[in-house]
Amino acid sequence: MFIRSVFLVLCLATLAWTAALPADGKMDCSQFFLPICTREYEPVCGSDGTTYSNPCMLCLHNFEKADSVLMARSGEC
């Protein structure tokens, strides 16, 4: 029973994590108070090949440069 419970928790955690990633690479920048971003390091790789320190910084780049860089994947490029 314990093993089933642990397995279920791991499956739910994986599902929640993958659901949080945008499927098409588009960021929901409305959740950030641009031009203010926090400094935590959660790197994302932009479609331009640049590593941004977190999703907010990618949104800030798009905001400041009137660009449309998408998130290619989580992690460094």
N, C-alpha and C. Protein backbone atom coordinates (compact mmCIF):
# COMPACT_ATOMS: atom_id res chain seq x y z
N MET A 1 0.82 -1.20 0.00
CA MET A 1 0.00 0.00 0.00
C MET A 1 0.87 1.27 0.00
N PHE A 2 1.95 1.23 0.77
CA PHE A 2 2.84 2.39 0.84
C PHE A 2 3.45 2.67 -0.53
N ILE A 3 3.87 1.62 -1.23
CA ILE A 3 4.49 1.80 -2.54
C ILE A 3 3.49 2.38 -3.53
N ARG A 4 2.26 1.95 -3.47
CA ARG A 4 1.23 2.52 -4.35
C ARG A 4 1.02 4.00 -4.06
N SER A 5 1.02 4.36 -2.79
CA SER A 5 0.83 5.76 -2.41
C SER A 5 1.97 6.62 -2.93
N VAL A 6 3.20 6.14 -2.76
CA VAL A 6 4.36 6.89 -3.24
C VAL A 6 4.30 7.02 -4.76
N PHE A 7 3.97 5.94 -5.45
CA PHE A 7 3.86 5.97 -6.90
C PHE A 7 2.80 6.97 -7.35
N LEU A 8 1.67 6.98 -6.68
CA LEU A 8 0.59 7.90 -7.03
C LEU A 8 1.02 9.35 -6.83
N VAL A 9 1.70 9.63 -5.74
CA VAL A 9 2.17 10.99 -5.47
C VAL A 9 3.17 11.42 -6.54
N LEU A 10 4.08 10.54 -6.92
CA LEU A 10 5.05 10.86 -7.97
C LEU A 10 4.37 11.11 -9.32
N CYS A 11 3.38 10.32 -9.63
CA CYS A 11 2.64 10.52 -10.88
C CYS A 11 1.91 11.85 -10.89
N LEU A 12 1.27 12.19 -9.78
CA LEU A 12 0.56 13.47 -9.70
C LEU A 12 1.52 14.65 -9.77
N ALA A 13 2.68 14.53 -9.12
CA ALA A 13 3.67 15.60 -9.17
C ALA A 13 4.18 15.79 -10.60
N THR A 14 4.42 14.71 -11.30
CA THR A 14 4.87 14.79 -12.69
C THR A 14 3.81 15.42 -13.57
N LEU A 15 2.58 15.04 -13.37
CA LEU A 15 1.48 15.61 -14.14
C LEU A 15 1.35 17.11 -13.89
N ALA A 16 1.45 17.52 -12.64
CA ALA A 16 1.34 18.94 -12.31
C ALA A 16 2.50 19.73 -12.92
N TRP A 17 3.70 19.16 -12.91
CA TRP A 17 4.86 19.85 -13.45
C TRP A 17 4.74 20.01 -14.95
N THR A 18 4.33 18.96 -15.65
CA THR A 18 4.22 19.06 -17.11
C THR A 18 3.05 19.94 -17.53
N ALA A 19 2.01 20.00 -16.73
CA ALA A 19 0.87 20.86 -17.06
C ALA A 19 1.24 22.33 -16.94
N ALA A 20 2.24 22.65 -16.12
CA ALA A 20 2.65 24.03 -15.93
C ALA A 20 3.49 24.55 -17.09
N LEU A 21 4.04 23.65 -17.91
CA LEU A 21 4.85 24.07 -19.05
C LEU A 21 3.96 24.41 -20.24
N PRO A 22 4.20 25.53 -20.89
CA PRO A 22 3.39 25.87 -22.06
C PRO A 22 3.66 24.91 -23.20
N ALA A 23 2.62 24.35 -23.80
CA ALA A 23 2.77 23.37 -24.87
C ALA A 23 3.28 24.01 -26.15
N ASP A 24 2.91 25.25 -26.41
CA ASP A 24 3.28 25.89 -27.66
C ASP A 24 4.44 26.87 -27.50
N GLY A 25 5.03 26.95 -26.32
CA GLY A 25 6.16 27.83 -26.09
C GLY A 25 5.78 29.25 -25.72
N LYS A 26 4.51 29.60 -25.83
CA LYS A 26 4.08 30.96 -25.49
C LYS A 26 4.04 31.11 -23.97
N MET A 27 4.54 32.23 -23.52
CA MET A 27 4.56 32.52 -22.08
C MET A 27 3.33 33.34 -21.71
N ASP A 28 2.80 33.09 -20.53
CA ASP A 28 1.72 33.91 -20.01
C ASP A 28 2.36 35.03 -19.19
N CYS A 29 2.69 36.11 -19.85
CA CYS A 29 3.41 37.20 -19.20
C CYS A 29 2.51 38.06 -18.32
N SER A 30 1.22 37.83 -18.36
CA SER A 30 0.31 38.63 -17.54
C SER A 30 0.48 38.34 -16.05
N GLN A 31 1.15 37.25 -15.70
CA GLN A 31 1.35 36.91 -14.30
C GLN A 31 2.50 37.70 -13.67
N PHE A 32 3.27 38.43 -14.48
CA PHE A 32 4.41 39.18 -13.99
C PHE A 32 4.09 40.67 -13.95
N PHE A 33 4.72 41.39 -13.03
CA PHE A 33 4.54 42.84 -12.90
C PHE A 33 5.70 43.54 -13.61
N LEU A 34 5.69 43.46 -14.94
CA LEU A 34 6.78 44.03 -15.73
C LEU A 34 6.81 45.54 -15.56
N PRO A 35 7.94 46.16 -15.47
CA PRO A 35 9.28 45.66 -15.75
C PRO A 35 10.02 45.12 -14.52
N ILE A 36 9.34 44.66 -13.50
CA ILE A 36 9.99 44.15 -12.29
C ILE A 36 9.98 42.63 -12.32
N CYS A 37 11.17 42.03 -12.24
CA CYS A 37 11.31 40.58 -12.17
C CYS A 37 12.11 40.21 -10.93
N THR A 38 11.79 39.07 -10.35
CA THR A 38 12.56 38.57 -9.22
C THR A 38 13.87 37.97 -9.74
N ARG A 39 14.79 37.70 -8.84
CA ARG A 39 16.13 37.28 -9.23
C ARG A 39 16.40 35.78 -9.08
N GLU A 40 15.37 34.96 -8.81
CA GLU A 40 15.65 33.53 -8.67
C GLU A 40 16.10 32.95 -10.01
N TYR A 41 16.92 31.91 -9.94
CA TYR A 41 17.49 31.32 -11.15
C TYR A 41 16.71 30.06 -11.50
N GLU A 42 15.82 30.19 -12.47
CA GLU A 42 15.04 29.08 -13.04
C GLU A 42 15.19 29.21 -14.55
N PRO A 43 16.36 28.83 -15.09
CA PRO A 43 16.66 29.14 -16.49
C PRO A 43 15.66 28.55 -17.48
N VAL A 44 15.39 29.33 -18.51
CA VAL A 44 14.59 28.88 -19.64
C VAL A 44 15.35 29.23 -20.91
N CYS A 45 15.21 28.37 -21.91
CA CYS A 45 15.87 28.58 -23.20
C CYS A 45 14.87 29.23 -24.15
N GLY A 46 15.24 30.38 -24.67
CA GLY A 46 14.37 31.08 -25.61
C GLY A 46 14.53 30.55 -27.02
N SER A 47 13.54 30.81 -27.85
CA SER A 47 13.59 30.37 -29.25
C SER A 47 14.69 31.08 -30.03
N ASP A 48 15.28 32.11 -29.44
CA ASP A 48 16.40 32.82 -30.07
C ASP A 48 17.75 32.23 -29.68
N GLY A 49 17.74 31.14 -28.89
CA GLY A 49 18.98 30.49 -28.47
C GLY A 49 19.63 31.13 -27.26
N THR A 50 18.95 32.06 -26.62
CA THR A 50 19.47 32.74 -25.44
C THR A 50 18.90 32.08 -24.19
N THR A 51 19.75 31.93 -23.16
CA THR A 51 19.28 31.44 -21.87
C THR A 51 18.84 32.64 -21.04
N TYR A 52 17.61 32.63 -20.59
CA TYR A 52 17.07 33.68 -19.72
C TYR A 52 17.04 33.13 -18.30
N SER A 53 17.35 33.96 -17.31
CA SER A 53 17.49 33.47 -15.94
C SER A 53 16.19 32.95 -15.34
N ASN A 54 15.06 33.40 -15.84
CA ASN A 54 13.76 32.87 -15.41
C ASN A 54 12.70 33.31 -16.44
N PRO A 55 11.51 32.74 -16.37
CA PRO A 55 10.47 33.11 -17.35
C PRO A 55 10.14 34.60 -17.38
N CYS A 56 10.21 35.25 -16.23
CA CYS A 56 9.91 36.68 -16.18
C CYS A 56 10.92 37.47 -17.01
N MET A 57 12.18 37.07 -16.97
CA MET A 57 13.20 37.77 -17.74
C MET A 57 12.98 37.60 -19.24
N LEU A 58 12.47 36.46 -19.67
CA LEU A 58 12.13 36.27 -21.07
C LEU A 58 10.98 37.22 -21.45
N CYS A 59 9.99 37.30 -20.59
CA CYS A 59 8.87 38.23 -20.83
C CYS A 59 9.36 39.68 -20.84
N LEU A 60 10.28 40.00 -19.94
CA LEU A 60 10.83 41.36 -19.89
C LEU A 60 11.57 41.69 -21.18
N HIS A 61 12.32 40.74 -21.70
CA HIS A 61 13.01 40.94 -22.99
C HIS A 61 11.99 41.28 -24.08
N ASN A 62 10.92 40.48 -24.15
CA ASN A 62 9.89 40.73 -25.17
C ASN A 62 9.22 42.08 -24.96
N PHE A 63 9.00 42.45 -23.71
CA PHE A 63 8.36 43.72 -23.36
C PHE A 63 9.23 44.90 -23.78
N GLU A 64 10.52 44.84 -23.44
CA GLU A 64 11.43 45.96 -23.72
C GLU A 64 11.80 46.07 -25.19
N LYS A 65 11.94 44.95 -25.88
CA LYS A 65 12.39 44.95 -27.27
C LYS A 65 11.26 44.81 -28.28
N ALA A 66 10.01 44.75 -27.79
CA ALA A 66 8.85 44.51 -28.66
C ALA A 66 9.11 43.29 -29.54
N ASP A 67 9.63 42.25 -28.90
CA ASP A 67 10.01 41.02 -29.58
C ASP A 67 8.98 39.94 -29.28
N SER A 68 9.12 38.80 -29.87
CA SER A 68 8.18 37.70 -29.62
C SER A 68 8.93 36.37 -29.45
N VAL A 69 9.98 36.40 -28.60
CA VAL A 69 10.74 35.19 -28.32
C VAL A 69 9.86 34.23 -27.54
N LEU A 70 9.85 32.97 -27.95
CA LEU A 70 9.08 31.94 -27.27
C LEU A 70 9.99 31.14 -26.36
N MET A 71 9.40 30.40 -25.43
CA MET A 71 10.18 29.52 -24.59
C MET A 71 10.35 28.19 -25.32
N ALA A 72 11.59 27.85 -25.67
CA ALA A 72 11.85 26.59 -26.37
C ALA A 72 11.77 25.41 -25.41
N ARG A 73 12.32 25.61 -24.19
CA ARG A 73 12.29 24.55 -23.18
C ARG A 73 12.76 25.11 -21.85
N SER A 74 12.50 24.37 -20.79
CA SER A 74 13.03 24.71 -19.47
C SER A 74 14.50 24.34 -19.43
N GLY A 75 15.28 25.08 -18.67
CA GLY A 75 16.71 24.80 -18.55
C GLY A 75 17.52 25.68 -19.48
N GLU A 76 18.83 25.56 -19.34
CA GLU A 76 19.73 26.37 -20.16
C GLU A 76 19.75 25.89 -21.60
N CYS A 77 20.09 26.79 -22.51
CA CYS A 77 20.18 26.44 -23.94
C CYS A 77 21.42 25.60 -24.21
